Amino acid sequence: MHVSARKTVMHPEVGEVTCDCDVLTVPGSDISLIVYTVAAGSADAEKLEFVGVTNGVRADGPSPSGPGPFSRP
């Protein structure tokens, strides 16, 4: 079974991000796969790229607490 929808989430640094949400369910089981995507080259894709590269922190904002996703020990 496949169900599609649109979801809008609010990120504290980049604002609203609208994603396509696809839910794929295996018939006869309780297994589901939820996939969120945005259109390549869209403003939403740019927002997600910004969050991924900067850990959601703007140059003029405070430093994040703790290590970021790409920090090395």
PDB file of N, CA and C in Angstrom:
ATOM      1  N   MET A   1       0.843  -1.172   0.000  1.00  0.00           N
ATOM      2  CA  MET A   1       0.000   0.000   0.000  1.00  0.00           C
ATOM      3  C   MET A   1       0.893   1.241   0.000  1.00  0.00           C
ATOM      4  N   HIS A   2       0.483   2.275  -0.695  1.00  0.00           N
ATOM      5  CA  HIS A   2       1.255   3.512  -0.800  1.00  0.00           C
ATOM      6  C   HIS A   2       0.322   4.707  -0.579  1.00  0.00           C
ATOM      7  N   VAL A   3       0.678   5.560   0.360  1.00  0.00           N
ATOM      8  CA  VAL A   3      -0.101   6.757   0.655  1.00  0.00           C
ATOM      9  C   VAL A   3       0.833   7.959   0.558  1.00  0.00           C
ATOM     10  N   SER A   4       0.392   9.010  -0.111  1.00  0.00           N
ATOM     11  CA  SER A   4       1.195  10.232  -0.248  1.00  0.00           C
ATOM     12  C   SER A   4       0.485  11.405   0.410  1.00  0.00           C
ATOM     13  N   ALA A   5       1.277  12.331   0.919  1.00  0.00           N
ATOM     14  CA  ALA A   5       0.744  13.546   1.522  1.00  0.00           C
ATOM     15  C   ALA A   5       1.825  14.607   1.488  1.00  0.00           C
ATOM     16  N   ARG A   6       1.462  15.809   1.824  1.00  0.00           N
ATOM     17  CA  ARG A   6       2.412  16.901   1.988  1.00  0.00           C
ATOM     18  C   ARG A   6       2.430  17.307   3.435  1.00  0.00           C
ATOM     19  N   LYS A   7       3.620  17.515   3.968  1.00  0.00           N
ATOM     20  CA  LYS A   7       3.767  17.922   5.363  1.00  0.00           C
ATOM     21  C   LYS A   7       4.615  19.182   5.410  1.00  0.00           C
ATOM     22  N   THR A   8       4.250  20.101   6.278  1.00  0.00           N
ATOM     23  CA  THR A   8       5.048  21.298   6.503  1.00  0.00           C
ATOM     24  C   THR A   8       5.518  21.281   7.939  1.00  0.00           C
ATOM     25  N   VAL A   9       6.840  21.399   8.107  1.00  0.00           N
ATOM     26  CA  VAL A   9       7.423  21.431   9.442  1.00  0.00           C
ATOM     27  C   VAL A   9       8.061  22.796   9.658  1.00  0.00           C
ATOM     28  N   MET A  10       8.139  23.214  10.910  1.00  0.00           N
ATOM     29  CA  MET A  10       8.742  24.500  11.257  1.00  0.00           C
ATOM     30  C   MET A  10      10.101  24.245  11.880  1.00  0.00           C
ATOM     31  N   HIS A  11      11.156  24.735  11.226  1.00  0.00           N
ATOM     32  CA  HIS A  11      12.509  24.631  11.773  1.00  0.00           C
ATOM     33  C   HIS A  11      12.846  25.974  12.412  1.00  0.00           C
ATOM     34  N   PRO A  12      13.474  25.980  13.591  1.00  0.00           N
ATOM     35  CA  PRO A  12      13.720  27.250  14.293  1.00  0.00           C
ATOM     36  C   PRO A  12      14.644  28.213  13.560  1.00  0.00           C
ATOM     37  N   GLU A  13      15.509  27.728  12.674  1.00  0.00           N
ATOM     38  CA  GLU A  13      16.436  28.617  11.972  1.00  0.00           C
ATOM     39  C   GLU A  13      16.019  28.942  10.548  1.00  0.00           C
ATOM     40  N   VAL A  14      15.420  28.002   9.829  1.00  0.00           N
ATOM     41  CA  VAL A  14      15.100  28.230   8.420  1.00  0.00           C
ATOM     42  C   VAL A  14      13.614  28.425   8.148  1.00  0.00           C
ATOM     43  N   GLY A  15      12.789  28.264   9.171  1.00  0.00           N
ATOM     44  CA  GLY A  15      11.353  28.467   8.991  1.00  0.00           C
ATOM     45  C   GLY A  15      10.654  27.233   8.449  1.00  0.00           C
ATOM     46  N   GLU A  16       9.588  27.472   7.700  1.00  0.00           N
ATOM     47  CA  GLU A  16       8.780  26.366   7.189  1.00  0.00           C
ATOM     48  C   GLU A  16       9.502  25.613   6.078  1.00  0.00           C
ATOM     49  N   VAL A  17       9.418  24.278   6.148  1.00  0.00           N
ATOM     50  CA  VAL A  17       9.943  23.396   5.106  1.00  0.00           C
ATOM     51  C   VAL A  17       8.808  22.448   4.738  1.00  0.00           C
ATOM     52  N   THR A  18       8.418  22.466   3.461  1.00  0.00           N
ATOM     53  CA  THR A  18       7.343  21.595   2.998  1.00  0.00           C
ATOM     54  C   THR A  18       7.944  20.393   2.294  1.00  0.00           C
ATOM     55  N   CYS A  19       7.553  19.211   2.748  1.00  0.00           N
ATOM     56  CA  CYS A  19       8.083  17.954   2.226  1.00  0.00           C
ATOM     57  C   CYS A  19       6.951  17.107   1.665  1.00  0.00           C
ATOM     58  N   ASP A  20       7.301  16.277   0.688  1.00  0.00           N
ATOM     59  CA  ASP A  20       6.393  15.224   0.249  1.00  0.00           C
ATOM     60  C   ASP A  20       6.613  14.062   1.197  1.00  0.00           C
ATOM     61  N   CYS A  21       5.539  13.474   1.676  1.00  0.00           N
ATOM     62  CA  CYS A  21       5.612  12.369   2.620  1.00  0.00           C
ATOM     63  C   CYS A  21       4.966  11.151   1.971  1.00  0.00           C
ATOM     64  N   ASP A  22       5.748  10.097   1.797  1.00  0.00           N
ATOM     65  CA  ASP A  22       5.239   8.848   1.238  1.00  0.00           C
ATOM     66  C   ASP A  22       5.331   7.763   2.292  1.00  0.00           C
ATOM     67  N   VAL A  23       4.221   7.069   2.504  1.00  0.00           N
ATOM     68  CA  VAL A  23       4.175   5.968   3.460  1.00  0.00           C
ATOM     69  C   VAL A  23       3.944   4.685   2.674  1.00  0.00           C
ATOM     70  N   LEU A  24       4.898   3.786   2.769  1.00  0.00           N
ATOM     71  CA  LEU A  24       4.813   2.498   2.093  1.00  0.00           C
ATOM     72  C   LEU A  24       4.603   1.435   3.167  1.00  0.00           C
ATOM     73  N   THR A  25       3.545   0.649   3.029  1.00  0.00           N
ATOM     74  CA  THR A  25       3.196  -0.362   4.015  1.00  0.00           C
ATOM     75  C   THR A  25       3.261  -1.738   3.375  1.00  0.00           C
ATOM     76  N   VAL A  26       3.852  -2.694   4.085  1.00  0.00           N
ATOM     77  CA  VAL A  26       3.913  -4.077   3.617  1.00  0.00           C
ATOM     78  C   VAL A  26       2.591  -4.744   3.969  1.00  0.00           C
ATOM     79  N   PRO A  27       1.834  -5.206   2.962  1.00  0.00           N
ATOM     80  CA  PRO A  27       0.544  -5.851   3.236  1.00  0.00           C
ATOM     81  C   PRO A  27       0.699  -7.057   4.158  1.00  0.00           C
ATOM     82  N   GLY A  28      -0.224  -7.180   5.106  1.00  0.00           N
ATOM     83  CA  GLY A  28      -0.222  -8.309   6.016  1.00  0.00           C
ATOM     84  C   GLY A  28       0.775  -8.190   7.157  1.00  0.00           C
ATOM     85  N   SER A  29       1.375  -7.012   7.327  1.00  0.00           N
ATOM     86  CA  SER A  29       2.320  -6.838   8.438  1.00  0.00           C
ATOM     87  C   SER A  29       2.156  -5.434   9.015  1.00  0.00           C
ATOM     88  N   ASP A  30       2.890  -5.172  10.083  1.00  0.00           N
ATOM     89  CA  ASP A  30       2.839  -3.836  10.673  1.00  0.00           C
ATOM     90  C   ASP A  30       4.087  -3.029  10.301  1.00  0.00           C
ATOM     91  N   ILE A  31       4.732  -3.394   9.203  1.00  0.00           N
ATOM     92  CA  ILE A  31       5.940  -2.707   8.754  1.00  0.00           C
ATOM     93  C   ILE A  31       5.565  -1.572   7.808  1.00  0.00           C
ATOM     94  N   SER A  32       6.077  -0.371   8.112  1.00  0.00           N
ATOM     95  CA  SER A  32       5.862   0.792   7.249  1.00  0.00           C
ATOM     96  C   SER A  32       7.177   1.522   7.061  1.00  0.00           C
ATOM     97  N   LEU A  33       7.353   2.100   5.895  1.00  0.00           N
ATOM     98  CA  LEU A  33       8.513   2.928   5.595  1.00  0.00           C
ATOM     99  C   LEU A  33       7.988   4.320   5.281  1.00  0.00           C
ATOM    100  N   ILE A  34       8.467   5.310   6.022  1.00  0.00           N
ATOM    101  CA  ILE A  34       8.045   6.693   5.806  1.00  0.00           C
ATOM    102  C   ILE A  34       9.210   7.444   5.185  1.00  0.00           C
ATOM    103  N   VAL A  35       8.979   8.061   4.029  1.00  0.00           N
ATOM    104  CA  VAL A  35      10.033   8.758   3.291  1.00  0.00           C
ATOM    105  C   VAL A  35       9.612  10.208   3.086  1.00  0.00           C
ATOM    106  N   TYR A  36      10.479  11.131   3.524  1.00  0.00           N
ATOM    107  CA  TYR A  36      10.251  12.561   3.311  1.00  0.00           C
ATOM    108  C   TYR A  36      11.224  13.040   2.252  1.00  0.00           C
ATOM    109  N   THR A  37      10.726  13.753   1.238  1.00  0.00           N
ATOM    110  CA  THR A  37      11.576  14.301   0.188  1.00  0.00           C
ATOM    111  C   THR A  37      11.145  15.729  -0.134  1.00  0.00           C
ATOM    112  N   VAL A  38      12.070  16.469  -0.733  1.00  0.00           N
ATOM    113  CA  VAL A  38      11.763  17.803  -1.256  1.00  0.00           C
ATOM    114  C   VAL A  38      12.238  17.835  -2.695  1.00  0.00           C
ATOM    115  N   ALA A  39      11.676  18.721  -3.495  1.00  0.00           N
ATOM    116  CA  ALA A  39      12.057  18.831  -4.894  1.00  0.00           C
ATOM    117  C   ALA A  39      13.474  19.394  -5.017  1.00  0.00           C
ATOM    118  N   ALA A  40      14.289  18.761  -5.843  1.00  0.00           N
ATOM    119  CA  ALA A  40      15.657  19.222  -6.069  1.00  0.00           C
ATOM    120  C   ALA A  40      15.634  20.651  -6.597  1.00  0.00           C
ATOM    121  N   GLY A  41      16.524  21.495  -6.065  1.00  0.00           N
ATOM    122  CA  GLY A  41      16.625  22.873  -6.520  1.00  0.00           C
ATOM    123  C   GLY A  41      15.576  23.813  -5.958  1.00  0.00           C
ATOM    124  N   SER A  42      14.674  23.300  -5.134  1.00  0.00           N
ATOM    125  CA  SER A  42      13.616  24.142  -4.574  1.00  0.00           C
ATOM    126  C   SER A  42      14.140  24.925  -3.374  1.00  0.00           C
ATOM    127  N   ALA A  43      13.362  25.915  -2.950  1.00  0.00           N
ATOM    128  CA  ALA A  43      13.717  26.674  -1.746  1.00  0.00           C
ATOM    129  C   ALA A  43      13.770  25.750  -0.530  1.00  0.00           C
ATOM    130  N   ASP A  44      12.891  24.756  -0.472  1.00  0.00           N
ATOM    131  CA  ASP A  44      12.909  23.801   0.635  1.00  0.00           C
ATOM    132  C   ASP A  44      14.184  22.972   0.628  1.00  0.00           C
ATOM    133  N   ALA A  45      14.665  22.577  -0.558  1.00  0.00           N
ATOM    134  CA  ALA A  45      15.921  21.839  -0.656  1.00  0.00           C
ATOM    135  C   ALA A  45      17.085  22.691  -0.180  1.00  0.00           C
ATOM    136  N   GLU A  46      17.084  23.968  -0.525  1.00  0.00           N
ATOM    137  CA  GLU A  46      18.143  24.874  -0.069  1.00  0.00           C
ATOM    138  C   GLU A  46      18.126  25.017   1.450  1.00  0.00           C
ATOM    139  N   LYS A  47      16.940  25.077   2.028  1.00  0.00           N
ATOM    140  CA  LYS A  47      16.833  25.175   3.490  1.00  0.00           C
ATOM    141  C   LYS A  47      17.411  23.934   4.161  1.00  0.00           C
ATOM    142  N   LEU A  48      17.075  22.751   3.632  1.00  0.00           N
ATOM    143  CA  LEU A  48      17.602  21.518   4.220  1.00  0.00           C
ATOM    144  C   LEU A  48      19.111  21.414   4.037  1.00  0.00           C
ATOM    145  N   GLU A  49      19.614  21.867   2.896  1.00  0.00           N
ATOM    146  CA  GLU A  49      21.065  21.859   2.676  1.00  0.00           C
ATOM    147  C   GLU A  49      21.752  22.789   3.675  1.00  0.00           C
ATOM    148  N   PHE A  50      21.168  23.957   3.912  1.00  0.00           N
ATOM    149  CA  PHE A  50      21.722  24.897   4.890  1.00  0.00           C
ATOM    150  C   PHE A  50      21.815  24.244   6.267  1.00  0.00           C
ATOM    151  N   VAL A  51      20.744  23.579   6.679  1.00  0.00           N
ATOM    152  CA  VAL A  51      20.732  22.929   7.992  1.00  0.00           C
ATOM    153  C   VAL A  51      21.785  21.815   8.041  1.00  0.00           C
ATOM    154  N   GLY A  52      21.918  21.052   6.967  1.00  0.00           N
ATOM    155  CA  GLY A  52      22.896  19.970   6.939  1.00  0.00           C
ATOM    156  C   GLY A  52      24.327  20.454   6.988  1.00  0.00           C
ATOM    157  N   VAL A  53      24.610  21.559   6.316  1.00  0.00           N
ATOM    158  CA  VAL A  53      25.972  22.087   6.252  1.00  0.00           C
ATOM    159  C   VAL A  53      26.344  22.842   7.512  1.00  0.00           C
ATOM    160  N   THR A  54      25.424  23.597   8.067  1.00  0.00           N
ATOM    161  CA  THR A  54      25.750  24.484   9.189  1.00  0.00           C
ATOM    162  C   THR A  54      25.271  23.962  10.537  1.00  0.00           C
ATOM    163  N   ASN A  55      24.626  22.819  10.551  1.00  0.00           N
ATOM    164  CA  ASN A  55      24.018  22.302  11.769  1.00  0.00           C
ATOM    165  C   ASN A  55      22.930  23.254  12.257  1.00  0.00           C
ATOM    166  N   GLY A  56      22.385  24.058  11.338  1.00  0.00           N
ATOM    167  CA  GLY A  56      21.267  24.949  11.660  1.00  0.00           C
ATOM    168  C   GLY A  56      21.659  26.239  12.328  1.00  0.00           C
ATOM    169  N   VAL A  57      22.948  26.568  12.364  1.00  0.00           N
ATOM    170  CA  VAL A  57      23.399  27.773  13.059  1.00  0.00           C
ATOM    171  C   VAL A  57      23.892  28.791  12.037  1.00  0.00           C
ATOM    172  N   ARG A  58      23.334  29.979  12.090  1.00  0.00           N
ATOM    173  CA  ARG A  58      23.753  31.058  11.201  1.00  0.00           C
ATOM    174  C   ARG A  58      25.072  31.648  11.688  1.00  0.00           C
ATOM    175  N   ALA A  59      25.827  32.274  10.784  1.00  0.00           N
ATOM    176  CA  ALA A  59      27.125  32.856  11.125  1.00  0.00           C
ATOM    177  C   ALA A  59      26.998  33.902  12.225  1.00  0.00           C
ATOM    178  N   ASP A  60      25.878  34.609  12.280  1.00  0.00           N
ATOM    179  CA  ASP A  60      25.704  35.649  13.290  1.00  0.00           C
ATOM    180  C   ASP A  60      25.016  35.131  14.557  1.00  0.00           C
ATOM    181  N   GLY A  61      24.772  33.820  14.620  1.00  0.00           N
ATOM    182  CA  GLY A  61      24.081  33.242  15.773  1.00  0.00           C
ATOM    183  C   GLY A  61      25.039  32.613  16.753  1.00  0.00           C
ATOM    184  N   PRO A  62      24.525  32.093  17.849  1.00  0.00           N
ATOM    185  CA  PRO A  62      25.362  31.452  18.865  1.00  0.00           C
ATOM    186  C   PRO A  62      25.907  30.118  18.366  1.00  0.00           C
ATOM    187  N   SER A  63      26.990  29.670  18.959  1.00  0.00           N
ATOM    188  CA  SER A  63      27.567  28.375  18.620  1.00  0.00           C
ATOM    189  C   SER A  63      26.661  27.268  19.143  1.00  0.00           C
ATOM    190  N   PRO A  64      26.556  26.146  18.403  1.00  0.00           N
ATOM    191  CA  PRO A  64      25.737  25.048  18.896  1.00  0.00           C
ATOM    192  C   PRO A  64      26.388  24.415  20.109  1.00  0.00           C
ATOM    193  N   SER A  65      25.561  23.848  20.983  1.00  0.00           N
ATOM    194  CA  SER A  65      26.124  23.161  22.135  1.00  0.00           C
ATOM    195  C   SER A  65      26.429  21.728  21.742  1.00  0.00           C
ATOM    196  N   GLY A  66      27.557  21.229  22.132  1.00  0.00           N
ATOM    197  CA  GLY A  66      27.952  19.853  21.833  1.00  0.00           C
ATOM    198  C   GLY A  66      28.497  19.723  20.433  1.00  0.00           C
ATOM    199  N   PRO A  67      28.991  18.526  20.108  1.00  0.00           N
ATOM    200  CA  PRO A  67      29.589  18.311  18.791  1.00  0.00           C
ATOM    201  C   PRO A  67      28.525  18.281  17.698  1.00  0.00           C
ATOM    202  N   GLY A  68      28.888  18.753  16.527  1.00  0.00           N
ATOM    203  CA  GLY A  68      27.995  18.717  15.378  1.00  0.00           C
ATOM    204  C   GLY A  68      28.049  17.353  14.724  1.00  0.00           C
ATOM    205  N   PRO A  69      27.230  17.149  13.688  1.00  0.00           N
ATOM    206  CA  PRO A  69      27.167  15.828  13.052  1.00  0.00           C
ATOM    207  C   PRO A  69      28.449  15.449  12.324  1.00  0.00           C
ATOM    208  N   PHE A  70      29.317  16.421  11.971  1.00  0.00           N
ATOM    209  CA  PHE A  70      30.515  16.117  11.212  1.00  0.00           C
ATOM    210  C   PHE A  70      31.786  16.408  12.013  1.00  0.00           C
ATOM    211  N   SER A  71      31.670  16.591  13.316  1.00  0.00           N
ATOM    212  CA  SER A  71      32.851  16.903  14.114  1.00  0.00           C
ATOM    213  C   SER A  71      33.662  15.638  14.370  1.00  0.00           C
ATOM    214  N   ARG A  72      34.946  15.836  14.568  1.00  0.00           N
ATOM    215  CA  ARG A  72      35.840  14.718  14.872  1.00  0.00           C
ATOM    216  C   ARG A  72      36.298  14.815  16.310  1.00  0.00           C
ATOM    217  N   PRO A  73      36.518  13.690  16.946  1.00  0.00           N
ATOM    218  CA  PRO A  73      36.958  13.718  18.348  1.00  0.00           C
ATOM    219  C   PRO A  73      38.355  14.279  18.491  1.00  0.00           C
TER     220      PRO A  73
END
